[in-house]
PDB file of N, CA and C in Angstrom:
ATOM      1  N   MET A   1       0.826  -1.157  -0.015  1.00  0.00           N
ATOM      2  CA  MET A   1      -0.018   0.023   0.011  1.00  0.00           C
ATOM      3  C   MET A   1       0.877   1.247  -0.008  1.00  0.00           C
ATOM      4  N   SER A   2       0.399   2.257  -0.612  1.00  0.00           N
ATOM      5  CA  SER A   2       1.170   3.506  -0.763  1.00  0.00           C
ATOM      6  C   SER A   2       0.634   4.567   0.187  1.00  0.00           C
ATOM      7  N   ILE A   3       1.534   5.129   1.000  1.00  0.00           N
ATOM      8  CA  ILE A   3       1.234   6.209   1.986  1.00  0.00           C
ATOM      9  C   ILE A   3       2.035   7.394   1.647  1.00  0.00           C
ATOM     10  N   ARG A   4       1.366   8.580   1.606  1.00  0.00           N
ATOM     11  CA  ARG A   4       2.068   9.844   1.353  1.00  0.00           C
ATOM     12  C   ARG A   4       2.542  10.377   2.684  1.00  0.00           C
ATOM     13  N   ILE A   5       3.770  10.684   2.827  1.00  0.00           N
ATOM     14  CA  ILE A   5       4.369  11.220   4.006  1.00  0.00           C
ATOM     15  C   ILE A   5       4.736  12.684   3.816  1.00  0.00           C
ATOM     16  N   ARG A   6       4.338  13.561   4.713  1.00  0.00           N
ATOM     17  CA  ARG A   6       4.763  14.940   4.638  1.00  0.00           C
ATOM     18  C   ARG A   6       5.516  15.244   5.948  1.00  0.00           C
ATOM     19  N   TYR A   7       6.747  15.740   5.815  1.00  0.00           N
ATOM     20  CA  TYR A   7       7.616  16.063   6.898  1.00  0.00           C
ATOM     21  C   TYR A   7       7.600  17.533   7.180  1.00  0.00           C
ATOM     22  N   PHE A   8       7.641  17.966   8.410  1.00  0.00           N
ATOM     23  CA  PHE A   8       7.622  19.385   8.762  1.00  0.00           C
ATOM     24  C   PHE A   8       8.839  19.614   9.647  1.00  0.00           C
ATOM     25  N   ALA A   9       9.367  20.886   9.544  1.00  0.00           N
ATOM     26  CA  ALA A   9      10.404  21.419  10.401  1.00  0.00           C
ATOM     27  C   ALA A   9      11.611  20.486  10.536  1.00  0.00           C
ATOM     28  N   ALA A  10      11.967  20.083  11.764  1.00  0.00           N
ATOM     29  CA  ALA A  10      13.197  19.318  12.000  1.00  0.00           C
ATOM     30  C   ALA A  10      13.037  17.882  11.345  1.00  0.00           C
ATOM     31  N   ALA A  11      11.839  17.422  11.217  1.00  0.00           N
ATOM     32  CA  ALA A  11      11.629  16.093  10.522  1.00  0.00           C
ATOM     33  C   ALA A  11      11.954  16.230   9.090  1.00  0.00           C
ATOM     34  N   ALA A  12      11.620  17.320   8.430  1.00  0.00           N
ATOM     35  CA  ALA A  12      11.990  17.556   7.005  1.00  0.00           C
ATOM     36  C   ALA A  12      13.505  17.717   6.864  1.00  0.00           C
ATOM     37  N   ALA A  13      14.147  18.415   7.808  1.00  0.00           N
ATOM     38  CA  ALA A  13      15.576  18.553   7.717  1.00  0.00           C
ATOM     39  C   ALA A  13      16.243  17.212   7.870  1.00  0.00           C
ATOM     40  N   ALA A  14      15.798  16.373   8.801  1.00  0.00           N
ATOM     41  CA  ALA A  14      16.408  15.049   9.078  1.00  0.00           C
ATOM     42  C   ALA A  14      16.137  14.115   7.882  1.00  0.00           C
ATOM     43  N   ALA A  15      15.026  14.197   7.289  1.00  0.00           N
ATOM     44  CA  ALA A  15      14.666  13.300   6.158  1.00  0.00           C
ATOM     45  C   ALA A  15      15.315  13.803   4.858  1.00  0.00           C
ATOM     46  N   GLY A  16      15.653  15.084   4.824  1.00  0.00           N
ATOM     47  CA  GLY A  16      16.250  15.602   3.589  1.00  0.00           C
ATOM     48  C   GLY A  16      15.257  15.909   2.527  1.00  0.00           C
ATOM     49  N   LEU A  17      13.955  15.938   2.882  1.00  0.00           N
ATOM     50  CA  LEU A  17      12.879  16.176   1.891  1.00  0.00           C
ATOM     51  C   LEU A  17      11.641  16.561   2.673  1.00  0.00           C
ATOM     52  N   GLN A  18      10.683  17.104   2.020  1.00  0.00           N
ATOM     53  CA  GLN A  18       9.455  17.553   2.657  1.00  0.00           C
ATOM     54  C   GLN A  18       8.302  16.566   2.415  1.00  0.00           C
ATOM     55  N   GLU A  19       8.444  15.728   1.373  1.00  0.00           N
ATOM     56  CA  GLU A  19       7.363  14.848   1.114  1.00  0.00           C
ATOM     57  C   GLU A  19       7.864  13.633   0.298  1.00  0.00           C
ATOM     58  N   GLU A  20       7.238  12.479   0.598  1.00  0.00           N
ATOM     59  CA  GLU A  20       7.601  11.264  -0.173  1.00  0.00           C
ATOM     60  C   GLU A  20       6.448  10.287  -0.102  1.00  0.00           C
ATOM     61  N   SER A  21       6.405   9.330  -0.948  1.00  0.00           N
ATOM     62  CA  SER A  21       5.500   8.209  -0.879  1.00  0.00           C
ATOM     63  C   SER A  21       6.267   6.981  -0.489  1.00  0.00           C
ATOM     64  N   VAL A  22       5.713   6.186   0.409  1.00  0.00           N
ATOM     65  CA  VAL A  22       6.361   4.950   0.820  1.00  0.00           C
ATOM     66  C   VAL A  22       5.403   3.813   0.551  1.00  0.00           C
ATOM     67  N   GLU A  23       5.969   2.690   0.298  1.00  0.00           N
ATOM     68  CA  GLU A  23       5.147   1.440   0.049  1.00  0.00           C
ATOM     69  C   GLU A  23       5.341   0.543   1.318  1.00  0.00           C
ATOM     70  N   LEU A  24       4.216   0.178   1.821  1.00  0.00           N
ATOM     71  CA  LEU A  24       4.211  -0.768   2.981  1.00  0.00           C
ATOM     72  C   LEU A  24       3.383  -1.971   2.637  1.00  0.00           C
ATOM     73  N   PRO A  25       3.650  -3.087   3.270  1.00  0.00           N
ATOM     74  CA  PRO A  25       2.846  -4.280   2.988  1.00  0.00           C
ATOM     75  C   PRO A  25       1.407  -4.086   3.593  1.00  0.00           C
ATOM     76  N   PRO A  26       0.444  -4.749   3.004  1.00  0.00           N
ATOM     77  CA  PRO A  26      -0.937  -4.701   3.523  1.00  0.00           C
ATOM     78  C   PRO A  26      -0.952  -5.078   5.003  1.00  0.00           C
ATOM     79  N   GLY A  27      -1.742  -4.333   5.808  1.00  0.00           N
ATOM     80  CA  GLY A  27      -1.846  -4.690   7.192  1.00  0.00           C
ATOM     81  C   GLY A  27      -0.783  -3.983   8.091  1.00  0.00           C
ATOM     82  N   ALA A  28       0.078  -3.215   7.453  1.00  0.00           N
ATOM     83  CA  ALA A  28       1.131  -2.535   8.260  1.00  0.00           C
ATOM     84  C   ALA A  28       0.495  -1.448   9.151  1.00  0.00           C
ATOM     85  N   SER A  29       1.050  -1.314  10.327  1.00  0.00           N
ATOM     86  CA  SER A  29       0.558  -0.362  11.325  1.00  0.00           C
ATOM     87  C   SER A  29       1.361   0.909  11.249  1.00  0.00           C
ATOM     88  N   PHE A  30       0.967   1.898  12.072  1.00  0.00           N
ATOM     89  CA  PHE A  30       1.717   3.135  12.172  1.00  0.00           C
ATOM     90  C   PHE A  30       3.135   2.869  12.866  1.00  0.00           C
ATOM     91  N   ASP A  31       3.192   1.876  13.687  1.00  0.00           N
ATOM     92  CA  ASP A  31       4.459   1.473  14.307  1.00  0.00           C
ATOM     93  C   ASP A  31       5.390   0.938  13.186  1.00  0.00           C
ATOM     94  N   ASP A  32       4.827   0.155  12.289  1.00  0.00           N
ATOM     95  CA  ASP A  32       5.594  -0.385  11.134  1.00  0.00           C
ATOM     96  C   ASP A  32       6.023   0.815  10.257  1.00  0.00           C
ATOM     97  N   LEU A  33       5.183   1.736   9.974  1.00  0.00           N
ATOM     98  CA  LEU A  33       5.555   2.890   9.211  1.00  0.00           C
ATOM     99  C   LEU A  33       6.698   3.681   9.859  1.00  0.00           C
ATOM    100  N   THR A  34       6.617   3.844  11.173  1.00  0.00           N
ATOM    101  CA  THR A  34       7.656   4.587  11.884  1.00  0.00           C
ATOM    102  C   THR A  34       8.940   3.864  11.792  1.00  0.00           C
ATOM    103  N   ARG A  35       8.975   2.549  11.991  1.00  0.00           N
ATOM    104  CA  ARG A  35      10.243   1.749  11.823  1.00  0.00           C
ATOM    105  C   ARG A  35      10.767   1.859  10.391  1.00  0.00           C
ATOM    106  N   HIS A  36       9.872   1.822   9.437  1.00  0.00           N
ATOM    107  CA  HIS A  36      10.319   1.931   7.998  1.00  0.00           C
ATOM    108  C   HIS A  36      10.987   3.263   7.781  1.00  0.00           C
ATOM    109  N   LEU A  37      10.422   4.340   8.256  1.00  0.00           N
ATOM    110  CA  LEU A  37      11.033   5.660   8.110  1.00  0.00           C
ATOM    111  C   LEU A  37      12.292   5.814   8.902  1.00  0.00           C
ATOM    112  N   ALA A  38      12.333   5.308  10.074  1.00  0.00           N
ATOM    113  CA  ALA A  38      13.537   5.399  10.945  1.00  0.00           C
ATOM    114  C   ALA A  38      14.739   4.654  10.280  1.00  0.00           C
ATOM    115  N   ALA A  39      14.461   3.648   9.513  1.00  0.00           N
ATOM    116  CA  ALA A  39      15.557   2.869   8.871  1.00  0.00           C
ATOM    117  C   ALA A  39      16.324   3.738   7.838  1.00  0.00           C
ATOM    118  N   LYS A  40      15.831   4.890   7.508  1.00  0.00           N
ATOM    119  CA  LYS A  40      16.426   5.728   6.536  1.00  0.00           C
ATOM    120  C   LYS A  40      17.664   6.452   7.056  1.00  0.00           C
ATOM    121  N   GLY A  41      17.884   6.440   8.385  1.00  0.00           N
ATOM    122  CA  GLY A  41      19.060   7.031   8.925  1.00  0.00           C
ATOM    123  C   GLY A  41      18.936   7.389  10.419  1.00  0.00           C
ATOM    124  N   PRO A  42      20.121   7.483  11.054  1.00  0.00           N
ATOM    125  CA  PRO A  42      20.068   7.700  12.529  1.00  0.00           C
ATOM    126  C   PRO A  42      19.487   9.098  12.994  1.00  0.00           C
ATOM    127  N   GLU A  43      19.704  10.166  12.080  1.00  0.00           N
ATOM    128  CA  GLU A  43      19.177  11.426  12.426  1.00  0.00           C
ATOM    129  C   GLU A  43      17.643  11.401  12.345  1.00  0.00           C
ATOM    130  N   LEU A  44      17.087  10.859  11.295  1.00  0.00           N
ATOM    131  CA  LEU A  44      15.645  10.776  11.204  1.00  0.00           C
ATOM    132  C   LEU A  44      15.073   9.891  12.296  1.00  0.00           C
ATOM    133  N   GLU A  45      15.763   8.803  12.603  1.00  0.00           N
ATOM    134  CA  GLU A  45      15.314   7.963  13.733  1.00  0.00           C
ATOM    135  C   GLU A  45      15.209   8.712  15.057  1.00  0.00           C
ATOM    136  N   ARG A  46      16.192   9.526  15.290  1.00  0.00           N
ATOM    137  CA  ARG A  46      16.234  10.375  16.549  1.00  0.00           C
ATOM    138  C   ARG A  46      15.079  11.361  16.556  1.00  0.00           C
ATOM    139  N   VAL A  47      14.861  11.958  15.450  1.00  0.00           N
ATOM    140  CA  VAL A  47      13.753  12.977  15.354  1.00  0.00           C
ATOM    141  C   VAL A  47      12.356  12.350  15.443  1.00  0.00           C
ATOM    142  N   LEU A  48      12.178  11.211  14.803  1.00  0.00           N
ATOM    143  CA  LEU A  48      10.918  10.496  14.790  1.00  0.00           C
ATOM    144  C   LEU A  48      10.526  10.094  16.227  1.00  0.00           C
ATOM    145  N   ALA A  49      11.469   9.833  17.079  1.00  0.00           N
ATOM    146  CA  ALA A  49      11.169   9.391  18.430  1.00  0.00           C
ATOM    147  C   ALA A  49      10.392  10.480  19.202  1.00  0.00           C
ATOM    148  N   ARG A  50      10.563  11.706  18.740  1.00  0.00           N
ATOM    149  CA  ARG A  50       9.892  12.849  19.449  1.00  0.00           C
ATOM    150  C   ARG A  50       8.657  13.355  18.667  1.00  0.00           C
ATOM    151  N   CYS A  51       8.414  12.821  17.522  1.00  0.00           N
ATOM    152  CA  CYS A  51       7.359  13.337  16.676  1.00  0.00           C
ATOM    153  C   CYS A  51       5.962  12.849  16.994  1.00  0.00           C
ATOM    154  N   SER A  52       5.028  13.678  16.599  1.00  0.00           N
ATOM    155  CA  SER A  52       3.638  13.212  16.599  1.00  0.00           C
ATOM    156  C   SER A  52       3.200  13.092  15.147  1.00  0.00           C
ATOM    157  N   PHE A  53       2.097  12.367  14.917  1.00  0.00           N
ATOM    158  CA  PHE A  53       1.667  12.073  13.566  1.00  0.00           C
ATOM    159  C   PHE A  53       0.207  12.411  13.387  1.00  0.00           C
ATOM    160  N   LEU A  54      -0.065  12.955  12.236  1.00  0.00           N
ATOM    161  CA  LEU A  54      -1.493  13.198  11.839  1.00  0.00           C
ATOM    162  C   LEU A  54      -1.745  12.269  10.683  1.00  0.00           C
ATOM    163  N   TYR A  55      -2.934  11.581  10.741  1.00  0.00           N
ATOM    164  CA  TYR A  55      -3.390  10.709   9.722  1.00  0.00           C
ATOM    165  C   TYR A  55      -4.610  11.345   9.035  1.00  0.00           C
ATOM    166  N   ASP A  56      -4.440  11.721   7.831  1.00  0.00           N
ATOM    167  CA  ASP A  56      -5.447  12.472   7.135  1.00  0.00           C
ATOM    168  C   ASP A  56      -6.049  13.587   8.030  1.00  0.00           C
ATOM    169  N   GLY A  57      -5.178  14.304   8.749  1.00  0.00           N
ATOM    170  CA  GLY A  57      -5.574  15.405   9.527  1.00  0.00           C
ATOM    171  C   GLY A  57      -5.974  15.189  10.944  1.00  0.00           C
ATOM    172  N   VAL A  58      -5.977  13.934  11.345  1.00  0.00           N
ATOM    173  CA  VAL A  58      -6.373  13.495  12.740  1.00  0.00           C
ATOM    174  C   VAL A  58      -5.148  12.926  13.462  1.00  0.00           C
ATOM    175  N   ALA A  59      -5.043  13.333  14.733  1.00  0.00           N
ATOM    176  CA  ALA A  59      -3.874  12.921  15.537  1.00  0.00           C
ATOM    177  C   ALA A  59      -3.913  11.382  15.678  1.00  0.00           C
ATOM    178  N   VAL A  60      -2.798  10.735  15.488  1.00  0.00           N
ATOM    179  CA  VAL A  60      -2.613   9.282  15.702  1.00  0.00           C
ATOM    180  C   VAL A  60      -2.366   9.073  17.206  1.00  0.00           C
ATOM    181  N   ARG A  61      -3.278   8.393  17.858  1.00  0.00           N
ATOM    182  CA  ARG A  61      -3.122   8.096  19.287  1.00  0.00           C
ATOM    183  C   ARG A  61      -2.640   6.650  19.480  1.00  0.00           C
ATOM    184  N   ASP A  62      -3.195   5.784  18.617  1.00  0.00           N
ATOM    185  CA  ASP A  62      -2.879   4.349  18.744  1.00  0.00           C
ATOM    186  C   ASP A  62      -2.042   3.895  17.516  1.00  0.00           C
ATOM    187  N   ARG A  63      -0.782   3.763  17.701  1.00  0.00           N
ATOM    188  CA  ARG A  63       0.131   3.408  16.595  1.00  0.00           C
ATOM    189  C   ARG A  63       0.055   2.004  16.126  1.00  0.00           C
ATOM    190  N   SER A  64      -0.850   1.187  16.782  1.00  0.00           N
ATOM    191  CA  SER A  64      -1.077  -0.168  16.293  1.00  0.00           C
ATOM    192  C   SER A  64      -2.159  -0.170  15.195  1.00  0.00           C
ATOM    193  N   ASN A  65      -2.819   0.951  14.999  1.00  0.00           N
ATOM    194  CA  ASN A  65      -3.841   1.055  13.999  1.00  0.00           C
ATOM    195  C   ASN A  65      -3.145   1.015  12.563  1.00  0.00           C
ATOM    196  N   GLN A  66      -3.945   0.759  11.548  1.00  0.00           N
ATOM    197  CA  GLN A  66      -3.400   0.619  10.263  1.00  0.00           C
ATOM    198  C   GLN A  66      -3.858   1.721   9.337  1.00  0.00           C
ATOM    199  N   PRO A  67      -2.921   2.461   8.707  1.00  0.00           N
ATOM    200  CA  PRO A  67      -3.301   3.471   7.750  1.00  0.00           C
ATOM    201  C   PRO A  67      -3.837   2.734   6.489  1.00  0.00           C
ATOM    202  N   GLU A  68      -4.640   3.443   5.708  1.00  0.00           N
ATOM    203  CA  GLU A  68      -5.166   2.923   4.487  1.00  0.00           C
ATOM    204  C   GLU A  68      -4.286   3.378   3.292  1.00  0.00           C
ATOM    205  N   SER A  69      -4.226   2.626   2.274  1.00  0.00           N
ATOM    206  CA  SER A  69      -3.486   3.046   1.093  1.00  0.00           C
ATOM    207  C   SER A  69      -4.053   4.285   0.569  1.00  0.00           C
ATOM    208  N   GLY A  70      -3.199   5.187   0.139  1.00  0.00           N
ATOM    209  CA  GLY A  70      -3.650   6.469  -0.412  1.00  0.00           C
ATOM    210  C   GLY A  70      -3.778   7.588   0.594  1.00  0.00           C
ATOM    211  N   SER A  71      -3.547   7.253   1.857  1.00  0.00           N
ATOM    212  CA  SER A  71      -3.725   8.227   2.929  1.00  0.00           C
ATOM    213  C   SER A  71      -2.485   9.132   3.076  1.00  0.00           C
ATOM    214  N   VAL A  72      -2.650  10.192   3.843  1.00  0.00           N
ATOM    215  CA  VAL A  72      -1.541  11.143   4.102  1.00  0.00           C
ATOM    216  C   VAL A  72      -1.224  11.099   5.526  1.00  0.00           C
ATOM    217  N   VAL A  73       0.069  10.978   5.871  1.00  0.00           N
ATOM    218  CA  VAL A  73       0.583  11.067   7.233  1.00  0.00           C
ATOM    219  C   VAL A  73       1.519  12.206   7.316  1.00  0.00           C
ATOM    220  N   ASP A  74       1.208  13.110   8.210  1.00  0.00           N
ATOM    221  CA  ASP A  74       2.055  14.284   8.549  1.00  0.00           C
ATOM    222  C   ASP A  74       2.953  13.923   9.739  1.00  0.00           C
ATOM    223  N   VAL A  75       4.271  14.207   9.594  1.00  0.00           N
ATOM    224  CA  VAL A  75       5.210  13.933  10.627  1.00  0.00           C
ATOM    225  C   VAL A  75       5.614  15.316  11.263  1.00  0.00           C
ATOM    226  N   LEU A  76       5.205  15.481  12.533  1.00  0.00           N
ATOM    227  CA  LEU A  76       5.285  16.787  13.186  1.00  0.00           C
ATOM    228  C   LEU A  76       6.202  16.726  14.460  1.00  0.00           C
ATOM    229  N   PRO A  77       7.399  17.311  14.374  1.00  0.00           N
ATOM    230  CA  PRO A  77       8.240  17.407  15.544  1.00  0.00           C
ATOM    231  C   PRO A  77       7.676  18.407  16.552  1.00  0.00           C
ATOM    232  N   PRO A  78       8.038  18.359  17.816  1.00  0.00           N
ATOM    233  CA  PRO A  78       7.587  19.324  18.796  1.00  0.00           C
ATOM    234  C   PRO A  78       7.892  20.755  18.294  1.00  0.00           C
ATOM    235  N   PHE A  79       6.930  21.621  18.437  1.00  0.00           N
ATOM    236  CA  PHE A  79       7.127  23.044  18.013  1.00  0.00           C
ATOM    237  C   PHE A  79       7.312  23.917  19.264  1.00  0.00           C
ATOM    238  N   ALA A  80       8.099  24.876  19.210  1.00  0.00           N
ATOM    239  CA  ALA A  80       8.279  25.849  20.335  1.00  0.00           C
ATOM    240  C   ALA A  80       7.212  26.962  20.129  1.00  0.00           C
ATOM    241  N   GLY A  81       6.790  27.559  21.170  1.00  0.00           N
ATOM    242  CA  GLY A  81       5.863  28.690  21.065  1.00  0.00           C
ATOM    243  C   GLY A  81       4.464  28.145  20.937  1.00  0.00           C
ATOM    244  N   GLY A  82       3.584  28.919  20.285  1.00  0.00           N
ATOM    245  CA  GLY A  82       2.222  28.397  20.116  1.00  0.00           C
ATOM    246  C   GLY A  82       1.248  29.493  19.863  1.00  0.00           C
TER     247      GLY A  82
END
């Protein structure tokens, strides 16, 4: 299944891009997605450990849930201010 990933702020810097599509096997969870992204390098892995995720605009609370093919996941590091 194909998932569109959008990185913001420090996550974009660590990933070296702002957006990408990743292919995951059917039934993959958000935990699987996080591991897949973290495998791209130690800096991204470090940043992902502090990030929150939005799934089609809704906060991901249970990372054992499964995203659907064609969905959008935003990777959001902690932001200062507010």
